[in-house]
Protein backbone atom coordinates (compact mmCIF):
# COMPACT_ATOMS: atom_id res chain seq x y z
CA MET A 1 11.82 -9.26 31.54
CA THR A 2 13.67 -8.36 28.37
CA ASP A 3 12.45 -5.67 25.94
CA MET A 4 12.06 -6.93 22.40
CA PRO A 5 14.08 -4.91 19.93
CA ALA A 6 11.91 -2.81 17.63
CA ALA A 7 11.79 -3.96 13.95
CA ALA A 8 13.75 -1.61 11.82
CA PRO A 9 11.93 0.37 9.06
CA ILE A 10 12.33 -1.13 5.60
CA PRO A 11 13.30 1.19 2.77
CA LEU A 12 10.75 0.87 -0.12
CA ILE A 13 11.17 3.42 -2.70
CA SER A 14 12.23 7.03 -3.12
CA LEU A 15 9.33 9.54 -2.82
CA ASP A 16 10.48 11.05 -6.16
CA ALA A 17 10.01 7.63 -7.90
CA LEU A 18 6.31 7.44 -7.00
CA PRO A 19 4.06 9.00 -9.62
CA GLU A 20 1.20 11.06 -8.37
CA GLY A 21 -2.15 9.18 -8.44
CA ARG A 22 -0.66 5.86 -9.68
CA GLY A 23 0.58 2.77 -8.03
CA ARG A 24 4.06 1.24 -7.96
CA ARG A 25 4.69 -2.39 -7.12
CA VAL A 26 7.41 -2.85 -4.48
CA CYS A 27 8.69 -6.28 -3.48
CA THR A 28 11.17 -6.52 -0.61
CA ALA A 29 11.79 -8.41 2.68
CA GLY A 30 8.96 -10.77 1.96
CA TYR A 31 6.40 -8.05 1.29
CA ASP A 32 4.63 -7.66 -2.13
CA LEU A 33 3.14 -4.11 -1.93
CA ALA A 34 1.33 -1.60 -4.00
CA VAL A 35 2.59 1.83 -2.96
CA PHE A 36 0.66 5.06 -3.93
CA LYS A 37 1.29 8.75 -3.61
CA VAL A 38 -1.96 10.87 -3.38
CA GLY A 39 -1.20 14.52 -2.76
CA ALA A 40 1.00 14.76 0.31
CA ALA A 41 0.02 11.27 1.56
CA VAL A 42 1.68 7.92 0.79
CA TYR A 43 -0.15 4.61 1.18
CA ALA A 44 0.84 0.91 1.04
CA ILE A 45 -1.51 -2.09 0.58
CA ASP A 46 -0.90 -5.65 -0.28
CA ASP A 47 -0.53 -5.85 -4.09
CA SER A 48 -3.00 -8.75 -4.43
CA CYS A 49 -6.73 -8.24 -4.77
CA PRO A 50 -8.35 -10.52 -2.21
CA HIS A 51 -11.06 -11.50 -4.80
CA GLY A 52 -8.91 -13.01 -7.51
CA GLY A 53 -5.27 -12.06 -6.85
CA ALA A 54 -4.93 -9.42 -9.44
CA SER A 55 -2.24 -6.73 -8.94
CA LEU A 56 -3.58 -3.55 -7.37
CA SER A 57 -0.57 -1.52 -8.17
CA GLY A 58 -1.89 -1.10 -11.66
CA GLY A 59 -5.38 -0.27 -10.45
CA ILE A 60 -7.27 2.93 -11.21
CA VAL A 61 -6.72 5.47 -8.44
CA GLN A 62 -9.41 8.10 -7.58
CA GLY A 63 -8.48 10.03 -4.46
CA ARG A 64 -7.69 7.47 -1.74
CA THR A 65 -9.49 4.66 -3.57
CA VAL A 66 -7.92 2.10 -5.93
CA ALA A 67 -10.07 -0.06 -8.17
CA CYS A 68 -8.83 -3.53 -9.21
CA ARG A 69 -8.60 -3.69 -13.00
CA ALA A 70 -9.74 -7.31 -13.06
CA HIS A 71 -13.15 -7.06 -11.48
CA GLY A 72 -13.58 -3.44 -10.44
CA LEU A 73 -13.56 -3.87 -6.69
CA LYS A 74 -12.62 -0.62 -4.99
CA PHE A 75 -10.54 -0.36 -1.72
CA ASP A 76 -9.91 2.62 0.41
CA MET A 77 -6.08 2.77 0.81
CA THR A 78 -6.31 4.21 4.34
CA HIS A 79 -7.88 1.21 5.90
CA GLY A 80 -8.18 -1.37 3.21
CA CYS A 81 -11.93 -1.80 3.36
CA PRO A 82 -13.91 -2.06 0.14
CA ARG A 83 -15.80 1.00 -0.93
CA ASP A 84 -18.67 -1.13 -2.13
CA PRO A 85 -20.20 -3.58 0.55
CA ALA A 86 -18.37 -6.82 0.43
CA LYS A 87 -16.55 -9.16 2.89
CA LEU A 88 -13.24 -8.70 1.21
CA GLN A 89 -10.51 -6.43 2.63
CA VAL A 90 -6.95 -5.77 1.60
CA ARG A 91 -4.18 -5.37 4.22
CA THR A 92 -2.78 -1.87 4.72
CA HIS A 93 0.82 -1.10 5.87
CA GLY A 94 2.23 1.73 7.93
CA LEU A 95 4.67 4.01 6.19
CA ARG A 96 6.72 7.07 6.96
CA VAL A 97 8.86 9.30 4.80
CA THR A 98 12.37 10.15 5.94
CA ASP A 99 14.84 12.17 3.80
CA GLY A 100 12.84 11.52 0.64
CA MET A 101 12.73 7.70 1.23
CA VAL A 102 9.41 5.88 1.80
CA LEU A 103 9.91 3.45 4.64
CA LEU A 104 7.71 0.59 5.74
CA ASP A 105 7.14 0.40 9.48
CA PRO A 106 6.62 -3.29 10.17
CA LEU A 107 5.10 -2.70 13.56
CA ALA A 108 2.57 -0.07 12.43
C-alpha cells in the first residue's frame, strides 16, 4: 500500500494585509474565498452566499459572524452554519499562519 502525499498548504495572503474585522476576497488554486481576521483568529469561508451568490468578503462582520449584504443572512465563520435558523450553510476552510503568511490547508 502506498501512502498518498499530503496536499501542500496554499499561500493566500499576508496576515498584515488582512484588515481587522473586515473581509478580503482571495482567489487562488481554484478557490474563491472570503478571508477574515478577528482578533488573533483568521477564518476562511467560500466567498459566495449560498442563498443568492453574493460575495461574503464584503459582508458586515460582528465578532465571528459575517452578514451577507444582499439579504442579511448571517453565518458563523468557525463552522459555516447560519446564525438564524435556515437550511443554508457556507463551506469553511482550514487555515494556519506561518511566518506572517496565511496558508490554506486543503486537507483540513
